[in-house]
């Protein structure tokens, strides 16, 4: 039997990532000064490790959000 390729749905990942990026920048602007400093420090550390700017920003924001959640600084649902 011949091998068949799975049909993959192509999405516009570039458009989606740009929209997510703008949202992240907006959320960063709303952070307290302490968390902005934390974001900047993590961003610089990730870049020094050789990560791309896009990956570094994603990792930095995720880390800040995780910390805020643990410390109870986020709205609970």
N, C-alpha and C. Protein backbone atom coordinates (compact mmCIF):
# COMPACT_ATOMS: atom_id res chain seq x y z
N UNK A 1 0.84 -1.19 0.00
CA UNK A 1 0.00 0.00 0.00
C UNK A 1 0.89 1.25 0.00
N UNK A 2 0.56 2.21 -0.80
CA UNK A 2 1.36 3.44 -0.83
C UNK A 2 1.12 4.28 0.43
N UNK A 3 2.18 4.92 0.86
CA UNK A 3 2.07 5.79 2.03
C UNK A 3 1.27 7.04 1.63
N UNK A 4 0.38 7.44 2.49
CA UNK A 4 -0.41 8.64 2.22
C UNK A 4 0.03 9.76 3.14
N UNK A 5 -0.01 10.92 2.61
CA UNK A 5 0.34 12.10 3.41
C UNK A 5 -0.90 12.58 4.14
N UNK A 6 -0.69 13.00 5.35
CA UNK A 6 -1.80 13.57 6.11
C UNK A 6 -2.10 14.96 5.57
N UNK A 7 -3.36 15.24 5.47
CA UNK A 7 -3.76 16.57 5.03
C UNK A 7 -3.55 17.54 6.18
N UNK A 8 -2.79 18.55 5.93
CA UNK A 8 -2.55 19.54 6.97
C UNK A 8 -3.20 20.85 6.56
N UNK A 9 -3.79 21.46 7.53
CA UNK A 9 -4.44 22.75 7.29
C UNK A 9 -3.40 23.83 7.51
N UNK A 10 -3.18 24.61 6.49
CA UNK A 10 -2.21 25.69 6.59
C UNK A 10 -2.88 26.91 7.22
N UNK A 11 -2.28 27.39 8.26
CA UNK A 11 -2.85 28.58 8.90
C UNK A 11 -1.92 29.75 8.68
N UNK A 12 -2.45 30.90 8.88
CA UNK A 12 -1.64 32.10 8.71
C UNK A 12 -0.95 32.39 10.04
N UNK A 13 0.09 31.62 10.32
CA UNK A 13 0.78 31.75 11.60
C UNK A 13 1.47 33.11 11.74
N UNK A 14 1.90 33.68 10.63
CA UNK A 14 2.57 34.97 10.71
C UNK A 14 1.60 36.04 11.20
N UNK A 15 0.41 36.05 10.66
CA UNK A 15 -0.59 37.03 11.07
C UNK A 15 -0.96 36.82 12.53
N UNK A 16 -1.13 35.57 12.91
CA UNK A 16 -1.52 35.25 14.27
C UNK A 16 -0.44 35.66 15.26
N UNK A 17 0.82 35.36 14.94
CA UNK A 17 1.90 35.68 15.87
C UNK A 17 2.08 37.20 16.01
N UNK A 18 1.86 37.92 14.94
CA UNK A 18 1.96 39.38 15.00
C UNK A 18 0.88 39.92 15.92
N UNK A 19 -0.33 39.39 15.81
CA UNK A 19 -1.43 39.84 16.67
C UNK A 19 -1.14 39.50 18.12
N UNK A 20 -0.59 38.32 18.38
CA UNK A 20 -0.25 37.94 19.74
C UNK A 20 0.87 38.82 20.28
N UNK A 21 1.80 39.14 19.42
CA UNK A 21 2.94 39.98 19.84
C UNK A 21 2.46 41.35 20.30
N UNK A 22 1.55 41.94 19.54
CA UNK A 22 1.04 43.26 19.93
C UNK A 22 0.32 43.18 21.26
N UNK A 23 -0.39 42.10 21.50
CA UNK A 23 -1.07 41.91 22.77
C UNK A 23 -0.09 41.80 23.92
N UNK A 24 1.01 41.11 23.67
CA UNK A 24 2.04 40.96 24.70
C UNK A 24 2.66 42.31 25.03
N UNK A 25 2.89 43.13 24.01
CA UNK A 25 3.46 44.46 24.25
C UNK A 25 2.49 45.32 25.05
N UNK A 26 1.20 45.19 24.78
CA UNK A 26 0.20 45.95 25.52
C UNK A 26 0.18 45.49 26.98
N UNK A 27 0.22 44.17 27.19
CA UNK A 27 0.22 43.64 28.56
C UNK A 27 1.48 44.08 29.29
N UNK A 28 2.60 44.13 28.60
CA UNK A 28 3.85 44.55 29.23
C UNK A 28 3.74 45.99 29.72
N UNK A 29 3.08 46.83 28.94
CA UNK A 29 2.93 48.24 29.31
C UNK A 29 2.10 48.40 30.58
N UNK A 30 1.23 47.43 30.85
CA UNK A 30 0.35 47.52 32.01
C UNK A 30 0.97 46.91 33.28
N UNK A 31 2.15 46.35 33.17
CA UNK A 31 2.79 45.70 34.32
C UNK A 31 3.31 46.72 35.32
N UNK A 32 3.35 46.33 36.59
CA UNK A 32 4.00 47.19 37.59
C UNK A 32 5.50 47.30 37.30
N UNK A 33 6.14 48.30 37.83
CA UNK A 33 7.56 48.54 37.57
C UNK A 33 8.42 47.34 37.93
N UNK A 34 8.09 46.67 39.01
CA UNK A 34 8.87 45.51 39.45
C UNK A 34 8.84 44.41 38.39
N UNK A 35 7.68 44.18 37.82
CA UNK A 35 7.54 43.12 36.81
C UNK A 35 8.15 43.54 35.47
N UNK A 36 8.16 44.85 35.18
CA UNK A 36 8.83 45.33 33.96
C UNK A 36 10.33 45.09 34.07
N UNK A 37 10.88 45.32 35.26
CA UNK A 37 12.31 45.07 35.47
C UNK A 37 12.61 43.58 35.33
N UNK A 38 11.72 42.76 35.88
CA UNK A 38 11.90 41.31 35.78
C UNK A 38 11.86 40.88 34.31
N UNK A 39 10.90 41.41 33.55
CA UNK A 39 10.77 41.10 32.13
C UNK A 39 12.04 41.47 31.38
N UNK A 40 12.55 42.67 31.64
CA UNK A 40 13.74 43.15 30.94
C UNK A 40 14.96 42.28 31.28
N UNK A 41 15.09 41.91 32.54
CA UNK A 41 16.21 41.07 32.97
C UNK A 41 16.15 39.69 32.29
N UNK A 42 14.98 39.08 32.26
CA UNK A 42 14.82 37.77 31.64
C UNK A 42 15.06 37.87 30.14
N UNK A 43 14.55 38.92 29.52
CA UNK A 43 14.74 39.13 28.08
C UNK A 43 16.23 39.20 27.74
N UNK A 44 16.98 39.99 28.49
CA UNK A 44 18.41 40.11 28.26
C UNK A 44 19.13 38.78 28.47
N UNK A 45 18.75 38.06 29.52
CA UNK A 45 19.37 36.77 29.81
C UNK A 45 19.13 35.77 28.68
N UNK A 46 17.90 35.73 28.17
CA UNK A 46 17.57 34.80 27.10
C UNK A 46 18.32 35.15 25.81
N UNK A 47 18.46 36.44 25.53
CA UNK A 47 19.22 36.85 24.34
C UNK A 47 20.69 36.45 24.48
N UNK A 48 21.25 36.60 25.68
CA UNK A 48 22.64 36.19 25.92
C UNK A 48 22.83 34.69 25.73
N UNK A 49 21.77 33.93 26.01
CA UNK A 49 21.82 32.48 25.83
C UNK A 49 21.72 32.08 24.35
N UNK A 50 21.46 33.07 23.49
CA UNK A 50 21.42 32.79 22.06
C UNK A 50 20.02 32.63 21.49
N UNK A 51 19.00 32.93 22.25
CA UNK A 51 17.64 32.82 21.76
C UNK A 51 17.32 33.99 20.83
N UNK A 52 16.39 33.76 19.92
CA UNK A 52 15.95 34.84 19.05
C UNK A 52 15.16 35.85 19.89
N UNK A 53 15.03 37.05 19.36
CA UNK A 53 14.30 38.09 20.09
C UNK A 53 12.86 37.66 20.33
N UNK A 54 12.26 37.06 19.32
CA UNK A 54 10.87 36.61 19.43
C UNK A 54 10.72 35.57 20.54
N UNK A 55 11.61 34.58 20.56
CA UNK A 55 11.55 33.54 21.59
C UNK A 55 11.84 34.13 22.97
N UNK A 56 12.81 35.03 23.03
CA UNK A 56 13.17 35.65 24.30
C UNK A 56 12.00 36.43 24.88
N UNK A 57 11.28 37.16 24.03
CA UNK A 57 10.12 37.93 24.51
C UNK A 57 9.02 36.99 25.01
N UNK A 58 8.81 35.90 24.28
CA UNK A 58 7.77 34.93 24.67
C UNK A 58 8.11 34.31 26.02
N UNK A 59 9.35 33.89 26.18
CA UNK A 59 9.79 33.27 27.43
C UNK A 59 9.72 34.26 28.58
N UNK A 60 10.16 35.48 28.34
CA UNK A 60 10.15 36.50 29.40
C UNK A 60 8.73 36.80 29.87
N UNK A 61 7.80 36.97 28.93
CA UNK A 61 6.42 37.27 29.31
C UNK A 61 5.77 36.09 30.02
N UNK A 62 6.06 34.88 29.55
CA UNK A 62 5.49 33.69 30.20
C UNK A 62 6.00 33.56 31.63
N UNK A 63 7.28 33.85 31.83
CA UNK A 63 7.87 33.77 33.17
C UNK A 63 7.28 34.83 34.09
N UNK A 64 7.12 36.03 33.59
CA UNK A 64 6.52 37.10 34.39
C UNK A 64 5.08 36.74 34.75
N UNK A 65 4.33 36.24 33.79
CA UNK A 65 2.94 35.85 34.06
C UNK A 65 2.86 34.73 35.09
N UNK A 66 3.78 33.77 35.00
CA UNK A 66 3.82 32.67 35.96
C UNK A 66 4.10 33.19 37.36
N UNK A 67 5.05 34.10 37.47
CA UNK A 67 5.40 34.68 38.77
C UNK A 67 4.23 35.47 39.35
N UNK A 68 3.59 36.27 38.49
CA UNK A 68 2.44 37.06 38.95
C UNK A 68 1.33 36.15 39.46
N UNK A 69 1.12 35.05 38.77
CA UNK A 69 0.08 34.11 39.16
C UNK A 69 0.40 33.48 40.52
N UNK A 70 1.65 33.06 40.69
CA UNK A 70 2.07 32.45 41.96
C UNK A 70 1.96 33.41 43.13
N UNK A 71 2.26 34.67 42.87
CA UNK A 71 2.26 35.68 43.93
C UNK A 71 0.87 36.27 44.18
N UNK A 72 -0.11 35.85 43.38
CA UNK A 72 -1.47 36.34 43.58
C UNK A 72 -1.70 37.74 43.03
N UNK A 73 -0.93 38.13 42.04
CA UNK A 73 -1.04 39.48 41.47
C UNK A 73 -2.00 39.53 40.28
N UNK A 74 -2.59 38.40 39.92
CA UNK A 74 -3.49 38.37 38.77
C UNK A 74 -4.92 38.26 39.25
N UNK A 75 -5.83 38.59 38.37
CA UNK A 75 -7.24 38.44 38.68
C UNK A 75 -7.57 36.95 38.70
N UNK A 76 -8.26 36.52 39.71
CA UNK A 76 -8.66 35.10 39.74
C UNK A 76 -10.07 34.99 39.17
N UNK A 77 -10.30 33.87 38.50
CA UNK A 77 -11.61 33.65 37.87
C UNK A 77 -12.55 32.94 38.80
